[in-house]
Amino acid sequence: KDNLGLQAGDGWIADRVVRLEPDNGESGVTVWVTRWKNEREAEEFLQLYRRGLAAAGSPDPGAVSSRRTGSEVEVTVLPAALRKPDPPKDGL
């Protein structure tokens, strides 16, 4: 059986989570940064994380962004109210 959790966690060193919420009670932003032994491990985690997210059928795929910089992976969860609107499509 495919165990994404065990595969994705190999090479993990540390992580931190930051949650930012406005005083007005609106939804906030969550940022999760993970650190890995090397860039290869970070890239493997990122790909497996994205695969797991897709398999879970995220109800709002635009809410989560992820990127790798060297041996760190950053995942940001941004509610719709704080995202930039999509640019208009040609002809509309």
Protein backbone atom coordinates (compact mmCIF):
# COMPACT_ATOMS: atom_id res chain seq x y z
CA LYS A 1 0.00 0.00 0.00
CA ASP A 2 1.20 3.50 -0.84
CA ASN A 3 2.03 5.29 2.45
CA LEU A 4 2.54 8.94 1.52
CA GLY A 5 3.05 9.99 5.13
CA LEU A 6 6.11 7.80 5.66
CA GLN A 7 7.55 8.67 2.26
CA ALA A 8 6.95 12.39 2.66
CA GLY A 9 8.47 12.56 6.17
CA ASP A 10 11.82 11.02 5.25
CA GLY A 11 14.54 13.65 5.57
CA TRP A 12 12.51 16.06 7.73
CA ILE A 13 14.57 18.26 10.09
CA ALA A 14 12.19 20.84 11.54
CA ASP A 15 9.11 22.95 10.86
CA ARG A 16 7.24 25.95 12.15
CA VAL A 17 3.69 27.23 11.75
CA VAL A 18 2.61 30.85 11.88
CA ARG A 19 -1.05 31.90 12.03
CA LEU A 20 -1.92 35.54 11.34
CA GLU A 21 -5.44 36.74 12.13
CA PRO A 22 -6.83 40.26 11.85
CA ASP A 23 -8.45 41.90 14.89
CA ASN A 24 -11.81 42.18 13.09
CA GLY A 25 -12.54 38.44 13.32
CA GLU A 26 -12.10 37.77 9.60
CA SER A 27 -10.27 34.66 8.42
CA GLY A 28 -6.51 34.77 8.64
CA VAL A 29 -3.47 33.27 6.94
CA THR A 30 -1.56 30.15 7.95
CA VAL A 31 2.05 29.64 6.85
CA TRP A 32 3.83 26.31 7.41
CA VAL A 33 7.56 26.14 6.70
CA THR A 34 9.36 22.80 6.73
CA ARG A 35 13.13 22.22 6.60
CA TRP A 36 14.72 19.14 5.02
CA LYS A 37 18.15 17.43 4.96
CA ASN A 38 18.69 18.54 1.37
CA GLU A 39 16.93 19.91 -1.70
CA ARG A 40 16.09 16.43 -2.99
CA GLU A 41 14.21 15.54 0.20
CA ALA A 42 12.42 18.91 0.15
CA GLU A 43 11.32 18.39 -3.45
CA GLU A 44 10.12 14.86 -2.70
CA PHE A 45 8.05 16.15 0.22
CA LEU A 46 6.58 18.95 -1.91
CA GLN A 47 5.52 16.56 -4.68
CA LEU A 48 4.03 14.05 -2.23
CA TYR A 49 2.27 16.84 -0.30
CA ARG A 50 0.69 18.11 -3.52
CA ARG A 51 -0.27 14.56 -4.48
CA GLY A 52 -1.94 14.04 -1.09
CA LEU A 53 -3.77 17.35 -1.33
CA ALA A 54 -5.09 16.46 -4.79
CA ALA A 55 -6.17 13.01 -3.58
CA ALA A 56 -8.05 14.59 -0.67
CA GLY A 57 -10.08 16.65 -3.15
CA SER A 58 -9.47 20.08 -1.62
CA PRO A 59 -12.77 22.00 -1.85
CA ASP A 60 -10.92 25.24 -2.59
CA PRO A 61 -7.66 24.49 -4.45
CA GLY A 62 -6.80 28.20 -4.71
CA ALA A 63 -6.64 28.45 -0.93
CA VAL A 64 -3.37 26.53 -0.66
CA SER A 65 -0.10 27.47 -2.33
CA SER A 66 3.20 25.69 -1.91
CA ARG A 67 6.76 26.31 -3.05
CA ARG A 68 10.27 25.09 -2.41
CA THR A 69 13.29 27.30 -1.83
CA GLY A 70 16.43 25.24 -1.42
CA SER A 71 15.83 22.74 1.38
CA GLU A 72 12.74 24.53 2.72
CA VAL A 73 9.12 24.08 1.68
CA GLU A 74 6.53 26.75 2.43
CA VAL A 75 2.79 26.04 2.44
CA THR A 76 0.42 29.01 2.69
CA VAL A 77 -3.32 28.76 3.33
CA LEU A 78 -5.07 31.95 2.28
CA PRO A 79 -8.86 32.39 2.54
CA ALA A 80 -10.73 33.61 -0.53
CA ALA A 81 -11.40 37.03 1.01
CA LEU A 82 -7.65 37.76 1.10
CA ARG A 83 -6.71 36.48 -2.36
CA LYS A 84 -6.28 38.65 -5.42
CA PRO A 85 -9.11 38.13 -7.89
CA ASP A 86 -8.36 36.18 -11.06
CA PRO A 87 -7.61 38.46 -14.02
CA PRO A 88 -10.50 38.83 -16.48
CA LYS A 89 -10.48 36.44 -19.42
CA ASP A 90 -10.16 37.88 -22.93
CA GLY A 91 -13.48 38.76 -24.51
CA LEU A 92 -15.43 38.99 -21.27
